[in-house]
Amino acid sequence: MDYQVELVARAFFEAEHEDFSWDGEAELVRDEFREYARNAISLLDEDIGVLLLALQRATAEEHPERSRAAA
């Protein structure tokens, strides 16, 4: 579940802050977006799989080096 939370939190952050880097952001800010992600995952319940698949594909397209490292 932590990977899912991180993926959704990063997507929320990047949607709101296009000019900033998630990795360079303060832990306090990232924790806030992780909480948003947990809430969204909880609300979506079973439908979260579709969102996560879309986010994983988008991340792989934007950062192909991450998908190769995960494989």
PDB file of N, CA and C in Angstrom:
ATOM      1  N   MET A   1       0.823  -1.197   0.000  1.00  0.00           N
ATOM      2  CA  MET A   1       0.000   0.000   0.000  1.00  0.00           C
ATOM      3  C   MET A   1       0.867   1.261   0.000  1.00  0.00           C
ATOM      4  N   ASP A   2       2.051   1.221   0.577  1.00  0.00           N
ATOM      5  CA  ASP A   2       2.916   2.401   0.618  1.00  0.00           C
ATOM      6  C   ASP A   2       3.279   2.871  -0.784  1.00  0.00           C
ATOM      7  N   TYR A   3       3.535   1.921  -1.691  1.00  0.00           N
ATOM      8  CA  TYR A   3       3.855   2.291  -3.065  1.00  0.00           C
ATOM      9  C   TYR A   3       2.666   2.996  -3.707  1.00  0.00           C
ATOM     10  N   GLN A   4       1.471   2.513  -3.457  1.00  0.00           N
ATOM     11  CA  GLN A   4       0.267   3.125  -4.002  1.00  0.00           C
ATOM     12  C   GLN A   4       0.100   4.540  -3.461  1.00  0.00           C
ATOM     13  N   VAL A   5       0.271   4.710  -2.180  1.00  0.00           N
ATOM     14  CA  VAL A   5       0.145   6.028  -1.554  1.00  0.00           C
ATOM     15  C   VAL A   5       1.166   6.976  -2.161  1.00  0.00           C
ATOM     16  N   GLU A   6       2.387   6.532  -2.296  1.00  0.00           N
ATOM     17  CA  GLU A   6       3.448   7.377  -2.844  1.00  0.00           C
ATOM     18  C   GLU A   6       3.140   7.771  -4.286  1.00  0.00           C
ATOM     19  N   LEU A   7       2.665   6.833  -5.069  1.00  0.00           N
ATOM     20  CA  LEU A   7       2.341   7.093  -6.469  1.00  0.00           C
ATOM     21  C   LEU A   7       1.222   8.119  -6.601  1.00  0.00           C
ATOM     22  N   VAL A   8       0.172   7.968  -5.829  1.00  0.00           N
ATOM     23  CA  VAL A   8      -0.955   8.897  -5.875  1.00  0.00           C
ATOM     24  C   VAL A   8      -0.542  10.257  -5.305  1.00  0.00           C
ATOM     25  N   ALA A   9       0.213  10.268  -4.224  1.00  0.00           N
ATOM     26  CA  ALA A   9       0.664  11.531  -3.626  1.00  0.00           C
ATOM     27  C   ALA A   9       1.525  12.315  -4.604  1.00  0.00           C
ATOM     28  N   ARG A  10       2.424  11.634  -5.269  1.00  0.00           N
ATOM     29  CA  ARG A  10       3.294  12.284  -6.257  1.00  0.00           C
ATOM     30  C   ARG A  10       2.460  12.862  -7.405  1.00  0.00           C
ATOM     31  N   ALA A  11       1.467  12.123  -7.849  1.00  0.00           N
ATOM     32  CA  ALA A  11       0.600  12.597  -8.935  1.00  0.00           C
ATOM     33  C   ALA A  11      -0.164  13.845  -8.507  1.00  0.00           C
ATOM     34  N   PHE A  12      -0.696  13.839  -7.291  1.00  0.00           N
ATOM     35  CA  PHE A  12      -1.404  15.012  -6.773  1.00  0.00           C
ATOM     36  C   PHE A  12      -0.460  16.214  -6.701  1.00  0.00           C
ATOM     37  N   PHE A  13       0.736  15.983  -6.177  1.00  0.00           N
ATOM     38  CA  PHE A  13       1.714  17.062  -6.036  1.00  0.00           C
ATOM     39  C   PHE A  13       2.078  17.642  -7.394  1.00  0.00           C
ATOM     40  N   GLU A  14       2.389  16.778  -8.339  1.00  0.00           N
ATOM     41  CA  GLU A  14       2.810  17.238  -9.660  1.00  0.00           C
ATOM     42  C   GLU A  14       1.678  17.945 -10.408  1.00  0.00           C
ATOM     43  N   ALA A  15       0.438  17.540 -10.150  1.00  0.00           N
ATOM     44  CA  ALA A  15      -0.699  18.217 -10.771  1.00  0.00           C
ATOM     45  C   ALA A  15      -0.855  19.636 -10.225  1.00  0.00           C
ATOM     46  N   GLU A  16      -0.511  19.821  -8.968  1.00  0.00           N
ATOM     47  CA  GLU A  16      -0.674  21.126  -8.339  1.00  0.00           C
ATOM     48  C   GLU A  16       0.562  22.004  -8.482  1.00  0.00           C
ATOM     49  N   HIS A  17       1.737  21.383  -8.521  1.00  0.00           N
ATOM     50  CA  HIS A  17       3.009  22.128  -8.535  1.00  0.00           C
ATOM     51  C   HIS A  17       3.862  21.679  -9.711  1.00  0.00           C
ATOM     52  N   GLU A  18       3.513  22.116 -10.894  1.00  0.00           N
ATOM     53  CA  GLU A  18       4.208  21.682 -12.102  1.00  0.00           C
ATOM     54  C   GLU A  18       5.679  22.084 -12.128  1.00  0.00           C
ATOM     55  N   ASP A  19       6.038  23.181 -11.470  1.00  0.00           N
ATOM     56  CA  ASP A  19       7.399  23.696 -11.537  1.00  0.00           C
ATOM     57  C   ASP A  19       8.310  23.226 -10.404  1.00  0.00           C
ATOM     58  N   PHE A  20       7.795  22.355  -9.542  1.00  0.00           N
ATOM     59  CA  PHE A  20       8.578  21.893  -8.404  1.00  0.00           C
ATOM     60  C   PHE A  20       8.805  20.388  -8.485  1.00  0.00           C
ATOM     61  N   SER A  21       9.858  19.937  -7.847  1.00  0.00           N
ATOM     62  CA  SER A  21      10.199  18.517  -7.833  1.00  0.00           C
ATOM     63  C   SER A  21       9.721  17.863  -6.546  1.00  0.00           C
ATOM     64  N   TRP A  22       9.037  16.726  -6.692  1.00  0.00           N
ATOM     65  CA  TRP A  22       8.584  15.953  -5.531  1.00  0.00           C
ATOM     66  C   TRP A  22       9.774  15.568  -4.663  1.00  0.00           C
ATOM     67  N   ASP A  23      10.852  15.109  -5.280  1.00  0.00           N
ATOM     68  CA  ASP A  23      12.022  14.650  -4.534  1.00  0.00           C
ATOM     69  C   ASP A  23      12.716  15.780  -3.780  1.00  0.00           C
ATOM     70  N   GLY A  24      12.570  17.008  -4.261  1.00  0.00           N
ATOM     71  CA  GLY A  24      13.203  18.143  -3.601  1.00  0.00           C
ATOM     72  C   GLY A  24      12.312  18.841  -2.596  1.00  0.00           C
ATOM     73  N   GLU A  25      11.087  18.371  -2.470  1.00  0.00           N
ATOM     74  CA  GLU A  25      10.128  19.015  -1.575  1.00  0.00           C
ATOM     75  C   GLU A  25      10.355  18.572  -0.132  1.00  0.00           C
ATOM     76  N   ALA A  26       9.990  19.436   0.795  1.00  0.00           N
ATOM     77  CA  ALA A  26      10.144  19.139   2.217  1.00  0.00           C
ATOM     78  C   ALA A  26       9.271  17.946   2.614  1.00  0.00           C
ATOM     79  N   GLU A  27       9.749  17.178   3.556  1.00  0.00           N
ATOM     80  CA  GLU A  27       9.030  15.985   4.016  1.00  0.00           C
ATOM     81  C   GLU A  27       7.649  16.340   4.560  1.00  0.00           C
ATOM     82  N   LEU A  28       7.523  17.471   5.194  1.00  0.00           N
ATOM     83  CA  LEU A  28       6.244  17.922   5.726  1.00  0.00           C
ATOM     84  C   LEU A  28       5.209  18.087   4.603  1.00  0.00           C
ATOM     85  N   VAL A  29       5.622  18.661   3.500  1.00  0.00           N
ATOM     86  CA  VAL A  29       4.735  18.847   2.344  1.00  0.00           C
ATOM     87  C   VAL A  29       4.389  17.492   1.736  1.00  0.00           C
ATOM     88  N   ARG A  30       5.385  16.627   1.583  1.00  0.00           N
ATOM     89  CA  ARG A  30       5.121  15.302   1.018  1.00  0.00           C
ATOM     90  C   ARG A  30       4.172  14.506   1.903  1.00  0.00           C
ATOM     91  N   ASP A  31       4.319  14.634   3.223  1.00  0.00           N
ATOM     92  CA  ASP A  31       3.398  13.950   4.142  1.00  0.00           C
ATOM     93  C   ASP A  31       1.965  14.445   3.974  1.00  0.00           C
ATOM     94  N   GLU A  32       1.813  15.728   3.721  1.00  0.00           N
ATOM     95  CA  GLU A  32       0.478  16.286   3.488  1.00  0.00           C
ATOM     96  C   GLU A  32      -0.157  15.660   2.235  1.00  0.00           C
ATOM     97  N   PHE A  33       0.619  15.539   1.173  1.00  0.00           N
ATOM     98  CA  PHE A  33       0.099  14.930  -0.048  1.00  0.00           C
ATOM     99  C   PHE A  33      -0.124  13.429   0.114  1.00  0.00           C
ATOM    100  N   ARG A  34       0.674  12.790   0.945  1.00  0.00           N
ATOM    101  CA  ARG A  34       0.435  11.369   1.235  1.00  0.00           C
ATOM    102  C   ARG A  34      -0.894  11.174   1.950  1.00  0.00           C
ATOM    103  N   GLU A  35      -1.229  12.103   2.832  1.00  0.00           N
ATOM    104  CA  GLU A  35      -2.524  12.032   3.516  1.00  0.00           C
ATOM    105  C   GLU A  35      -3.665  12.211   2.520  1.00  0.00           C
ATOM    106  N   TYR A  36      -3.508  13.158   1.592  1.00  0.00           N
ATOM    107  CA  TYR A  36      -4.513  13.317   0.530  1.00  0.00           C
ATOM    108  C   TYR A  36      -4.658  12.013  -0.253  1.00  0.00           C
ATOM    109  N   ALA A  37      -3.536  11.389  -0.535  1.00  0.00           N
ATOM    110  CA  ALA A  37      -3.549  10.139  -1.304  1.00  0.00           C
ATOM    111  C   ALA A  37      -4.256   9.029  -0.536  1.00  0.00           C
ATOM    112  N   ARG A  38      -3.960   8.904   0.745  1.00  0.00           N
ATOM    113  CA  ARG A  38      -4.634   7.877   1.560  1.00  0.00           C
ATOM    114  C   ARG A  38      -6.144   8.079   1.554  1.00  0.00           C
ATOM    115  N   ASN A  39      -6.563   9.336   1.676  1.00  0.00           N
ATOM    116  CA  ASN A  39      -7.987   9.632   1.655  1.00  0.00           C
ATOM    117  C   ASN A  39      -8.609   9.270   0.307  1.00  0.00           C
ATOM    118  N   ALA A  40      -7.932   9.611  -0.765  1.00  0.00           N
ATOM    119  CA  ALA A  40      -8.450   9.299  -2.101  1.00  0.00           C
ATOM    120  C   ALA A  40      -8.543   7.794  -2.311  1.00  0.00           C
ATOM    121  N   ILE A  41      -7.518   7.075  -1.896  1.00  0.00           N
ATOM    122  CA  ILE A  41      -7.516   5.613  -2.033  1.00  0.00           C
ATOM    123  C   ILE A  41      -8.658   5.019  -1.233  1.00  0.00           C
ATOM    124  N   SER A  42      -8.858   5.520  -0.044  1.00  0.00           N
ATOM    125  CA  SER A  42      -9.944   5.027   0.798  1.00  0.00           C
ATOM    126  C   SER A  42     -11.304   5.304   0.162  1.00  0.00           C
ATOM    127  N   LEU A  43     -11.486   6.487  -0.382  1.00  0.00           N
ATOM    128  CA  LEU A  43     -12.755   6.851  -1.006  1.00  0.00           C
ATOM    129  C   LEU A  43     -13.026   6.047  -2.278  1.00  0.00           C
ATOM    130  N   LEU A  44     -11.967   5.793  -3.038  1.00  0.00           N
ATOM    131  CA  LEU A  44     -12.140   5.060  -4.292  1.00  0.00           C
ATOM    132  C   LEU A  44     -12.334   3.567  -4.077  1.00  0.00           C
ATOM    133  N   ASP A  45     -11.817   3.060  -2.975  1.00  0.00           N
ATOM    134  CA  ASP A  45     -11.951   1.655  -2.608  1.00  0.00           C
ATOM    135  C   ASP A  45     -11.577   0.738  -3.765  1.00  0.00           C
ATOM    136  N   GLU A  46     -12.516   0.029  -4.332  1.00  0.00           N
ATOM    137  CA  GLU A  46     -12.222  -0.958  -5.364  1.00  0.00           C
ATOM    138  C   GLU A  46     -11.822  -0.328  -6.693  1.00  0.00           C
ATOM    139  N   ASP A  47     -12.230   0.894  -6.954  1.00  0.00           N
ATOM    140  CA  ASP A  47     -11.917   1.552  -8.222  1.00  0.00           C
ATOM    141  C   ASP A  47     -10.486   2.072  -8.279  1.00  0.00           C
ATOM    142  N   ILE A  48      -9.742   1.969  -7.206  1.00  0.00           N
ATOM    143  CA  ILE A  48      -8.385   2.489  -7.153  1.00  0.00           C
ATOM    144  C   ILE A  48      -7.467   1.780  -8.143  1.00  0.00           C
ATOM    145  N   GLY A  49      -7.744   0.536  -8.459  1.00  0.00           N
ATOM    146  CA  GLY A  49      -6.890  -0.213  -9.389  1.00  0.00           C
ATOM    147  C   GLY A  49      -6.759   0.453 -10.736  1.00  0.00           C
ATOM    148  N   VAL A  50      -7.831   0.999 -11.252  1.00  0.00           N
ATOM    149  CA  VAL A  50      -7.813   1.674 -12.543  1.00  0.00           C
ATOM    150  C   VAL A  50      -6.936   2.920 -12.469  1.00  0.00           C
ATOM    151  N   LEU A  51      -7.079   3.691 -11.402  1.00  0.00           N
ATOM    152  CA  LEU A  51      -6.276   4.893 -11.230  1.00  0.00           C
ATOM    153  C   LEU A  51      -4.799   4.543 -11.107  1.00  0.00           C
ATOM    154  N   LEU A  52      -4.485   3.536 -10.315  1.00  0.00           N
ATOM    155  CA  LEU A  52      -3.081   3.159 -10.117  1.00  0.00           C
ATOM    156  C   LEU A  52      -2.441   2.671 -11.406  1.00  0.00           C
ATOM    157  N   LEU A  53      -3.166   1.915 -12.181  1.00  0.00           N
ATOM    158  CA  LEU A  53      -2.638   1.444 -13.461  1.00  0.00           C
ATOM    159  C   LEU A  53      -2.320   2.623 -14.365  1.00  0.00           C
ATOM    160  N   ALA A  54      -3.217   3.596 -14.440  1.00  0.00           N
ATOM    161  CA  ALA A  54      -2.997   4.781 -15.259  1.00  0.00           C
ATOM    162  C   ALA A  54      -1.788   5.578 -14.765  1.00  0.00           C
ATOM    163  N   LEU A  55      -1.654   5.726 -13.451  1.00  0.00           N
ATOM    164  CA  LEU A  55      -0.526   6.452 -12.888  1.00  0.00           C
ATOM    165  C   LEU A  55       0.796   5.732 -13.146  1.00  0.00           C
ATOM    166  N   GLN A  56       0.794   4.416 -13.033  1.00  0.00           N
ATOM    167  CA  GLN A  56       2.008   3.648 -13.293  1.00  0.00           C
ATOM    168  C   GLN A  56       2.442   3.791 -14.742  1.00  0.00           C
ATOM    169  N   ARG A  57       1.481   3.742 -15.655  1.00  0.00           N
ATOM    170  CA  ARG A  57       1.802   3.911 -17.073  1.00  0.00           C
ATOM    171  C   ARG A  57       2.341   5.302 -17.355  1.00  0.00           C
ATOM    172  N   ALA A  58       1.708   6.316 -16.774  1.00  0.00           N
ATOM    173  CA  ALA A  58       2.157   7.691 -16.976  1.00  0.00           C
ATOM    174  C   ALA A  58       3.560   7.896 -16.420  1.00  0.00           C
ATOM    175  N   THR A  59       3.826   7.331 -15.266  1.00  0.00           N
ATOM    176  CA  THR A  59       5.150   7.449 -14.662  1.00  0.00           C
ATOM    177  C   THR A  59       6.196   6.762 -15.521  1.00  0.00           C
ATOM    178  N   ALA A  60       5.877   5.601 -16.053  1.00  0.00           N
ATOM    179  CA  ALA A  60       6.807   4.868 -16.903  1.00  0.00           C
ATOM    180  C   ALA A  60       7.107   5.641 -18.182  1.00  0.00           C
ATOM    181  N   GLU A  61       6.108   6.315 -18.722  1.00  0.00           N
ATOM    182  CA  GLU A  61       6.320   7.094 -19.939  1.00  0.00           C
ATOM    183  C   GLU A  61       7.159   8.337 -19.670  1.00  0.00           C
ATOM    184  N   GLU A  62       6.961   8.974 -18.524  1.00  0.00           N
ATOM    185  CA  GLU A  62       7.706  10.181 -18.182  1.00  0.00           C
ATOM    186  C   GLU A  62       9.128   9.878 -17.719  1.00  0.00           C
ATOM    187  N   HIS A  63       9.294   8.740 -17.052  1.00  0.00           N
ATOM    188  CA  HIS A  63      10.590   8.379 -16.463  1.00  0.00           C
ATOM    189  C   HIS A  63      10.917   6.922 -16.794  1.00  0.00           C
ATOM    190  N   PRO A  64      11.310   6.650 -18.041  1.00  0.00           N
ATOM    191  CA  PRO A  64      11.562   5.242 -18.415  1.00  0.00           C
ATOM    192  C   PRO A  64      12.656   4.579 -17.578  1.00  0.00           C
ATOM    193  N   GLU A  65      13.583   5.353 -17.015  1.00  0.00           N
ATOM    194  CA  GLU A  65      14.639   4.760 -16.207  1.00  0.00           C
ATOM    195  C   GLU A  65      14.098   4.153 -14.922  1.00  0.00           C
ATOM    196  N   ARG A  66      12.978   4.670 -14.399  1.00  0.00           N
ATOM    197  CA  ARG A  66      12.375   4.104 -13.191  1.00  0.00           C
ATOM    198  C   ARG A  66      11.750   2.752 -13.465  1.00  0.00           C
ATOM    199  N   SER A  67      11.084   2.617 -14.609  1.00  0.00           N
ATOM    200  CA  SER A  67      10.427   1.344 -14.909  1.00  0.00           C
ATOM    201  C   SER A  67      11.451   0.258 -15.164  1.00  0.00           C
ATOM    202  N   ARG A  68      12.598   0.619 -15.735  1.00  0.00           N
ATOM    203  CA  ARG A  68      13.654  -0.375 -15.949  1.00  0.00           C
ATOM    204  C   ARG A  68      14.281  -0.792 -14.629  1.00  0.00           C
ATOM    205  N   ALA A  69      14.424   0.159 -13.706  1.00  0.00           N
ATOM    206  CA  ALA A  69      15.031  -0.153 -12.404  1.00  0.00           C
ATOM    207  C   ALA A  69      14.103  -1.026 -11.580  1.00  0.00           C
ATOM    208  N   ALA A  70      12.814  -0.857 -11.740  1.00  0.00           N
ATOM    209  CA  ALA A  70      11.843  -1.648 -10.968  1.00  0.00           C
ATOM    210  C   ALA A  70      11.721  -3.058 -11.499  1.00  0.00           C
ATOM    211  N   ALA A  71      12.069  -3.275 -12.747  1.00  0.00           N
ATOM    212  CA  ALA A  71      11.914  -4.598 -13.371  1.00  0.00           C
ATOM    213  C   ALA A  71      12.952  -5.578 -12.912  1.00  0.00           C
TER     214      ALA A  71
END
